[in-house]
């Protein structure tokens, strides 16, 4: 579905003149960073860009069209020269006292988008420097960014934006490279699991499953992936370990998939590492299909308090819910080293596959969907 950035003009794309009327070339000043960061948004995402602006009394003697139009057209040409093209420019010419439905925060100028069943307003954003821009976003059911500036602020009682940005780099980070966090809960008659993950964290972990060796492996996953990971699990360990390990894997897979978001710009593939006597290889494909190949043999029934038969089951359950391919191989003589090496290689593989690839925000596939 289509989606848009509905962007205010004065105070957001360009500096607001002292008299609030951009009617001469001398008054044209761009907001710092707008060309660079809006240019990156235009190049790296599929948002349509739409200017939505109130121009009080445009066309009247106090604000003639011939004073407004040349400056406005120059602004658009400068943006276009930097790869920033606006699909639409919507201008309301009324005064606030007129109460026109087309004047922001009214949605009258946007009926074509509201009525278009192929347009996803809930995934669109309104960006502006006034409370009326945020109110417009709420009226549309869109997400909102308030861009702080010298002229206007938010007061008590004003609608709250989802993002408060100090500059256009903040806007880019919020829209094109948002935080990749997710929290999932799973509660059954056998377990109560909560998993929170941040794919852009620093490897911190807070793990409690009731199985110390399993906790140790999950801590390795967080540390070597760089993901922040919080897992709290309460399960029927008085019966055995199966349900707890399985449901943690299921919930972790769901949380990981949720945090990945639209998968734009990720590496997709990822790792092999040695650990003393062992060599572990874990290859992953975050391509949206689940499959797990397991070539690792364990001779002990348990390592710590974790049954070795549950190792494959953990990775299979994760791949089923994370919708990824896993190919896992390990060889060596020390059973503890072998599974620890697998978890570390798994972590590094996920880190590589989930990493954002610099400025490339394309989907790593020729199919157009991942």
Protein backbone atom coordinates (compact mmCIF):
# COMPACT_ATOMS: atom_id res chain seq x y z
CA UNK A 1 0.00 0.00 0.00
CA UNK A 2 1.01 3.61 -0.56
CA UNK A 3 2.07 5.83 2.31
CA UNK A 4 3.20 9.44 2.64
CA UNK A 5 5.04 12.03 4.63
CA UNK A 6 2.70 15.03 4.95
CA UNK A 7 5.16 17.83 5.61
CA UNK A 8 4.50 21.38 6.76
CA UNK A 9 6.40 24.03 4.83
CA UNK A 10 7.20 27.19 6.84
CA UNK A 11 9.18 26.35 9.97
CA UNK A 12 9.67 22.75 8.86
CA UNK A 13 11.16 22.71 5.37
CA UNK A 14 12.20 26.35 5.42
CA UNK A 15 12.76 28.86 8.18
CA UNK A 16 9.70 30.83 9.26
CA UNK A 17 10.21 34.54 8.41
CA UNK A 18 9.77 37.06 11.20
CA UNK A 19 6.55 38.31 9.60
CA UNK A 20 5.38 34.71 8.90
CA UNK A 21 5.15 35.45 5.17
CA UNK A 22 7.69 33.98 2.73
CA UNK A 23 7.23 36.47 -0.08
CA UNK A 24 10.76 37.38 -1.21
CA UNK A 25 13.92 35.54 -2.19
CA UNK A 26 15.84 37.25 0.63
CA UNK A 27 13.65 35.48 3.19
CA UNK A 28 14.25 31.98 1.82
CA UNK A 29 16.27 29.96 4.32
CA UNK A 30 16.13 26.17 4.56
CA UNK A 31 15.90 24.37 7.88
CA UNK A 32 19.40 23.08 8.72
CA UNK A 33 19.99 19.56 7.45
CA UNK A 34 16.69 19.29 5.59
CA UNK A 35 18.27 18.75 2.16
CA UNK A 36 20.63 16.04 3.39
CA UNK A 37 18.26 14.10 5.62
CA UNK A 38 15.03 14.51 3.63
CA UNK A 39 17.11 13.53 0.60
CA UNK A 40 18.10 10.32 2.36
CA UNK A 41 14.50 9.63 3.30
CA UNK A 42 13.47 10.14 -0.32
CA UNK A 43 16.24 7.85 -1.60
CA UNK A 44 15.94 5.10 1.00
CA UNK A 45 12.20 4.75 1.56
CA UNK A 46 9.03 4.47 -0.48
CA UNK A 47 7.15 7.32 1.20
CA UNK A 48 5.45 9.82 -1.09
CA UNK A 49 6.35 13.39 -0.10
CA UNK A 50 3.46 15.85 0.22
CA UNK A 51 3.64 19.48 1.32
CA UNK A 52 0.63 20.56 3.38
CA UNK A 53 0.70 24.25 4.30
CA UNK A 54 -1.54 27.03 5.57
CA UNK A 55 -0.78 30.34 3.81
CA UNK A 56 -2.99 32.92 5.49
CA UNK A 57 -4.72 35.10 2.93
CA UNK A 58 -2.67 34.00 -0.05
CA UNK A 59 -3.96 35.82 -3.11
CA UNK A 60 -5.14 38.87 -1.17
CA UNK A 61 -3.61 42.36 -1.40
CA UNK A 62 -1.57 41.68 1.75
CA UNK A 63 -0.10 38.49 0.32
CA UNK A 64 -0.23 38.56 -3.48
CA UNK A 65 0.20 35.37 -5.47
CA UNK A 66 2.98 36.96 -7.54
CA UNK A 67 5.06 37.45 -4.37
CA UNK A 68 4.53 33.91 -3.11
CA UNK A 69 4.84 31.84 -6.26
CA UNK A 70 8.43 32.59 -7.46
CA UNK A 71 9.95 31.89 -4.04
CA UNK A 72 7.90 28.72 -3.64
CA UNK A 73 8.91 27.47 -7.10
CA UNK A 74 12.59 28.16 -6.38
CA UNK A 75 12.33 26.14 -3.16
CA UNK A 76 10.84 23.21 -5.07
CA UNK A 77 13.55 23.40 -7.77
CA UNK A 78 16.31 23.36 -5.17
CA UNK A 79 14.79 20.30 -3.53
CA UNK A 80 14.31 18.60 -6.91
CA UNK A 81 17.95 19.22 -7.76
CA UNK A 82 18.87 17.18 -4.70
CA UNK A 83 16.56 14.28 -5.61
CA UNK A 84 13.66 15.42 -3.43
CA UNK A 85 10.44 15.49 -5.42
CA UNK A 86 7.06 16.24 -3.92
CA UNK A 87 4.16 14.22 -5.25
CA UNK A 88 1.70 16.91 -4.21
CA UNK A 89 1.66 20.45 -2.80
CA UNK A 90 -1.51 21.35 -0.89
CA UNK A 91 -2.02 24.98 0.06
CA UNK A 92 -4.87 26.41 2.14
CA UNK A 93 -5.35 30.16 1.60
CA UNK A 94 -7.91 30.92 4.30
CA UNK A 95 -7.52 32.73 7.61
CA UNK A 96 -7.93 30.97 10.95
CA UNK A 97 -11.06 33.01 11.63
CA UNK A 98 -12.72 31.49 8.57
CA UNK A 99 -12.91 28.03 10.17
CA UNK A 100 -12.45 26.35 6.78
CA UNK A 101 -12.34 22.53 6.80
CA UNK A 102 -9.36 22.70 4.45
CA UNK A 103 -7.23 24.61 6.94
CA UNK A 104 -4.93 22.53 9.15
CA UNK A 105 -5.73 20.82 11.47
CA UNK A 106 -8.77 20.14 9.32
CA UNK A 107 -8.38 17.33 6.81
CA UNK A 108 -10.24 18.92 3.90
CA UNK A 109 -7.14 19.21 1.71
CA UNK A 110 -6.43 15.50 2.15
CA UNK A 111 -9.72 13.89 1.16
CA UNK A 112 -8.10 12.22 -1.87
CA UNK A 113 -5.76 10.33 0.47
CA UNK A 114 -8.47 9.57 3.01
CA UNK A 115 -10.78 8.15 0.31
CA UNK A 116 -8.06 6.10 -1.42
CA UNK A 117 -8.38 2.48 -0.26
CA UNK A 118 -4.85 1.82 -1.52
CA UNK A 119 -3.43 4.44 0.86
CA UNK A 120 -2.24 3.48 4.33
CA UNK A 121 -2.64 6.53 6.55
CA UNK A 122 -1.70 4.59 9.68
CA UNK A 123 1.80 4.07 8.25
CA UNK A 124 2.06 7.67 7.06
CA UNK A 125 3.49 10.59 9.03
CA UNK A 126 2.65 14.24 9.54
CA UNK A 127 5.73 16.40 10.21
CA UNK A 128 5.46 19.97 11.42
CA UNK A 129 6.51 22.62 13.91
CA UNK A 130 3.09 23.53 15.30
CA UNK A 131 0.50 21.84 17.45
CA UNK A 132 -1.92 22.10 14.53
CA UNK A 133 0.34 19.78 12.52
CA UNK A 134 0.23 17.20 15.29
CA UNK A 135 -3.54 17.60 15.55
CA UNK A 136 -3.80 17.08 11.79
CA UNK A 137 -1.90 13.82 12.17
CA UNK A 138 -4.26 12.67 14.90
CA UNK A 139 -7.26 13.56 12.73
CA UNK A 140 -5.82 11.52 9.86
CA UNK A 141 -4.88 8.55 12.02
CA UNK A 142 -1.26 9.08 10.96
CA UNK A 143 1.92 9.08 13.00
CA UNK A 144 3.35 12.44 14.01
CA UNK A 145 6.67 14.28 14.37
CA UNK A 146 6.98 17.66 16.08
CA UNK A 147 10.05 19.53 14.86
CA UNK A 148 11.21 21.90 17.55
CA UNK A 149 11.93 25.44 16.42
CA UNK A 150 12.26 29.00 17.70
CA UNK A 151 8.70 30.11 17.00
CA UNK A 152 6.31 27.53 18.39
CA UNK A 153 6.25 24.96 21.14
CA UNK A 154 3.83 22.45 22.57
CA UNK A 155 1.75 23.56 25.52
CA UNK A 156 -0.11 21.62 28.14
CA UNK A 157 -3.24 20.20 26.59
CA UNK A 158 -1.82 20.07 23.07
CA UNK A 159 -1.89 16.66 21.35
CA UNK A 160 1.28 14.68 22.01
CA UNK A 161 3.41 13.71 19.00
CA UNK A 162 4.96 10.28 18.72
CA UNK A 163 8.34 11.87 18.08
CA UNK A 164 9.81 15.18 19.16
CA UNK A 165 12.73 16.02 16.86
CA UNK A 166 15.36 18.69 17.37
CA UNK A 167 16.50 18.56 13.75
CA UNK A 168 16.06 16.70 10.48
CA UNK A 169 18.61 14.06 11.45
CA UNK A 170 16.26 13.11 14.30
CA UNK A 171 13.40 12.89 11.81
CA UNK A 172 15.45 10.63 9.54
CA UNK A 173 16.31 8.37 12.47
CA UNK A 174 12.67 8.11 13.53
CA UNK A 175 11.24 7.43 10.07
CA UNK A 176 13.91 5.74 7.95
CA UNK A 177 15.94 4.05 10.67
CA UNK A 178 13.59 3.63 13.63
CA UNK A 179 14.61 1.69 16.75
CA UNK A 180 14.20 -2.02 16.24
CA UNK A 181 12.64 -3.15 19.47
CA UNK A 182 9.95 -5.67 20.24
CA UNK A 183 8.33 -7.27 23.26
CA UNK A 184 6.35 -10.49 23.11
CA UNK A 185 4.44 -12.42 25.74
CA UNK A 186 3.31 -16.03 25.67
CA UNK A 187 1.16 -17.47 28.42
CA UNK A 188 -0.16 -21.02 28.41
CA UNK A 189 -1.20 -23.52 31.05
CA UNK A 190 2.43 -24.68 31.03
CA UNK A 191 4.50 -21.46 30.81
CA UNK A 192 4.45 -17.69 31.22
CA UNK A 193 7.11 -16.08 29.01
CA UNK A 194 8.08 -12.45 28.35
CA UNK A 195 10.81 -11.54 25.86
CA UNK A 196 12.02 -8.02 25.08
CA UNK A 197 14.68 -7.44 22.42
CA UNK A 198 16.51 -4.45 20.96
CA UNK A 199 18.45 -5.31 17.82
CA UNK A 200 20.48 -2.10 18.06
CA UNK A 201 21.53 -2.49 21.67
CA UNK A 202 24.89 -3.19 23.28
CA UNK A 203 24.58 -6.84 24.27
CA UNK A 204 23.13 -6.37 27.73
CA UNK A 205 20.95 -9.13 29.11
CA UNK A 206 18.63 -9.92 31.95
CA UNK A 207 17.74 -13.60 31.76
CA UNK A 208 15.75 -15.77 34.14
CA UNK A 209 14.31 -19.07 32.94
CA UNK A 210 14.83 -21.24 36.02
CA UNK A 211 17.48 -23.21 34.09
CA UNK A 212 20.95 -21.77 34.82
CA UNK A 213 22.71 -23.40 31.86
CA UNK A 214 19.97 -22.24 29.48
CA UNK A 215 20.34 -18.74 30.97
CA UNK A 216 24.09 -18.94 30.28
CA UNK A 217 23.47 -19.79 26.61
CA UNK A 218 20.95 -16.97 26.21
CA UNK A 219 23.42 -14.55 27.80
CA UNK A 220 25.95 -15.66 25.17
CA UNK A 221 23.36 -14.95 22.50
CA UNK A 222 22.86 -11.38 23.76
CA UNK A 223 26.55 -10.66 24.29
CA UNK A 224 27.80 -11.88 20.92
CA UNK A 225 24.90 -10.56 18.84
CA UNK A 226 24.92 -7.10 20.41
CA UNK A 227 21.18 -7.41 21.01
CA UNK A 228 19.75 -6.22 24.31
CA UNK A 229 17.76 -9.16 25.59
CA UNK A 230 15.41 -9.51 28.56
CA UNK A 231 13.76 -12.89 29.11
CA UNK A 232 11.60 -13.87 32.04
CA UNK A 233 10.17 -17.37 32.03
CA UNK A 234 8.09 -19.30 34.52
CA UNK A 235 7.40 -22.88 33.49
CA UNK A 236 6.41 -26.28 34.75
CA UNK A 237 9.95 -27.34 35.58
CA UNK A 238 8.54 -29.75 38.17
CA UNK A 239 7.48 -31.84 35.16
CA UNK A 240 10.56 -31.30 32.97
CA UNK A 241 12.42 -28.67 30.97
CA UNK A 242 10.73 -29.17 27.60
CA UNK A 243 7.90 -26.63 27.75
CA UNK A 244 10.07 -23.83 29.16
CA UNK A 245 12.82 -24.19 26.54
CA UNK A 246 10.36 -24.59 23.67
CA UNK A 247 8.19 -21.62 24.65
CA UNK A 248 11.17 -19.35 25.22
CA UNK A 249 12.37 -20.22 21.69
CA UNK A 250 8.92 -19.56 20.23
CA UNK A 251 8.58 -16.19 21.99
CA UNK A 252 12.14 -15.18 21.16
CA UNK A 253 11.56 -15.98 17.48
CA UNK A 254 8.37 -13.89 17.45
CA UNK A 255 10.10 -10.98 19.19
CA UNK A 256 13.07 -11.12 16.80
CA UNK A 257 10.80 -11.11 13.75
CA UNK A 258 8.80 -8.21 15.17
CA UNK A 259 11.94 -6.17 15.84
CA UNK A 260 13.22 -6.70 12.29
CA UNK A 261 10.35 -4.63 10.95
CA UNK A 262 10.25 -4.25 7.18
CA UNK A 263 13.77 -5.78 6.77
CA UNK A 264 14.90 -2.95 4.51
CA UNK A 265 18.65 -2.48 4.46
CA UNK A 266 19.54 -5.61 6.42
CA UNK A 267 22.37 -7.95 5.43
CA UNK A 268 19.94 -10.90 5.44
CA UNK A 269 22.64 -13.60 5.51
CA UNK A 270 25.13 -14.42 7.98
CA UNK A 271 29.19 -17.28 10.63
CA UNK A 272 31.55 -19.80 11.80
CA UNK A 273 33.77 -19.74 14.84
CA UNK A 274 36.14 -22.04 16.71
CA UNK A 275 36.08 -22.63 20.46
CA UNK A 276 39.07 -24.64 21.63
CA UNK A 277 38.49 -28.15 20.30
CA UNK A 278 35.21 -27.26 18.54
CA UNK A 279 34.20 -25.69 15.27
CA UNK A 280 30.65 -24.38 14.99
CA UNK A 281 29.06 -23.11 11.80
CA UNK A 282 25.71 -21.36 11.76
CA UNK A 283 24.34 -19.95 8.52
CA UNK A 284 21.12 -17.96 8.55
CA UNK A 285 18.81 -16.52 5.93
CA UNK A 286 16.20 -14.03 7.15
CA UNK A 287 14.25 -14.59 3.97
CA UNK A 288 10.80 -15.23 5.41
CA UNK A 289 10.81 -19.04 5.19
CA UNK A 290 11.42 -21.39 8.09
CA UNK A 291 13.80 -24.35 7.84
CA UNK A 292 16.34 -25.86 10.19
CA UNK A 293 19.20 -28.20 9.27
CA UNK A 294 20.95 -29.68 12.32
CA UNK A 295 24.23 -31.57 12.14
CA UNK A 296 25.50 -31.72 15.69
CA UNK A 297 25.67 -34.84 17.82
CA UNK A 298 25.80 -34.87 21.60
CA UNK A 299 26.70 -37.92 23.67
CA UNK A 300 25.67 -36.64 27.07
CA UNK A 301 22.03 -36.62 28.16
CA UNK A 302 22.36 -33.20 29.79
CA UNK A 303 24.77 -30.32 29.89
CA UNK A 304 24.20 -28.54 33.14
CA UNK A 305 20.46 -28.73 33.65
CA UNK A 306 19.58 -28.57 29.94
CA UNK A 307 18.73 -31.78 28.06
CA UNK A 308 20.83 -32.09 24.92
CA UNK A 309 17.80 -33.35 22.99
CA UNK A 310 16.33 -29.84 23.43
CA UNK A 311 19.17 -28.11 21.59
CA UNK A 312 17.77 -28.88 18.14
CA UNK A 313 14.25 -28.25 19.39
CA UNK A 314 15.22 -24.75 20.56
CA UNK A 315 16.67 -23.73 17.18
CA UNK A 316 13.85 -25.36 15.22
CA UNK A 317 11.22 -23.53 17.29
CA UNK A 318 13.08 -20.24 16.84
CA UNK A 319 13.35 -20.66 13.06
CA UNK A 320 9.64 -21.53 12.80
CA UNK A 321 8.60 -18.26 14.46
CA UNK A 322 11.38 -15.98 13.19
CA UNK A 323 10.69 -17.25 9.64
CA UNK A 324 14.34 -17.88 8.91
CA UNK A 325 16.53 -20.65 7.57
CA UNK A 326 19.12 -22.06 9.97
CA UNK A 327 21.88 -24.42 8.96
CA UNK A 328 23.84 -25.55 12.02
CA UNK A 329 26.88 -27.78 12.14
CA UNK A 330 29.32 -28.47 14.96
CA UNK A 331 32.12 -30.87 15.67
CA UNK A 332 34.44 -31.33 18.63
CA UNK A 333 35.10 -33.41 21.74
CA UNK A 334 33.91 -31.21 24.60
CA UNK A 335 30.12 -31.20 24.80
CA UNK A 336 29.91 -27.94 26.74
CA UNK A 337 32.21 -26.19 24.27
CA UNK A 338 30.23 -27.56 21.37
CA UNK A 339 26.84 -26.11 22.33
CA UNK A 340 28.37 -22.88 23.59
CA UNK A 341 30.16 -22.46 20.27
CA UNK A 342 26.86 -23.06 18.47
CA UNK A 343 25.10 -20.34 20.50
CA UNK A 344 27.98 -17.91 19.90
CA UNK A 345 28.01 -18.62 16.17
CA UNK A 346 24.22 -18.31 16.15
CA UNK A 347 24.55 -14.91 17.80
CA UNK A 348 27.16 -13.66 15.35
CA UNK A 349 25.17 -14.97 12.43
CA UNK A 350 22.05 -13.11 13.56
CA UNK A 351 24.10 -9.98 14.16
CA UNK A 352 25.49 -10.10 10.63
CA UNK A 353 22.15 -10.86 9.03
CA UNK A 354 20.17 -8.24 10.97
CA UNK A 355 22.78 -5.47 10.60
CA UNK A 356 21.70 -2.45 8.60
CA UNK A 357 23.81 -1.97 5.50
CA UNK A 358 24.77 1.70 5.75
CA UNK A 359 22.66 3.91 3.54
CA UNK A 360 21.16 1.04 1.55
CA UNK A 361 17.48 0.80 2.53
CA UNK A 362 16.45 -1.58 -0.23
CA UNK A 363 15.05 -5.03 0.40
CA UNK A 364 17.77 -7.69 -0.06
CA UNK A 365 15.72 -9.71 -2.55
CA UNK A 366 14.73 -9.66 -6.22
CA UNK A 367 11.15 -10.65 -5.35
CA UNK A 368 10.15 -7.27 -3.97
CA UNK A 369 8.97 -8.80 -0.68
CA UNK A 370 10.80 -10.54 2.12
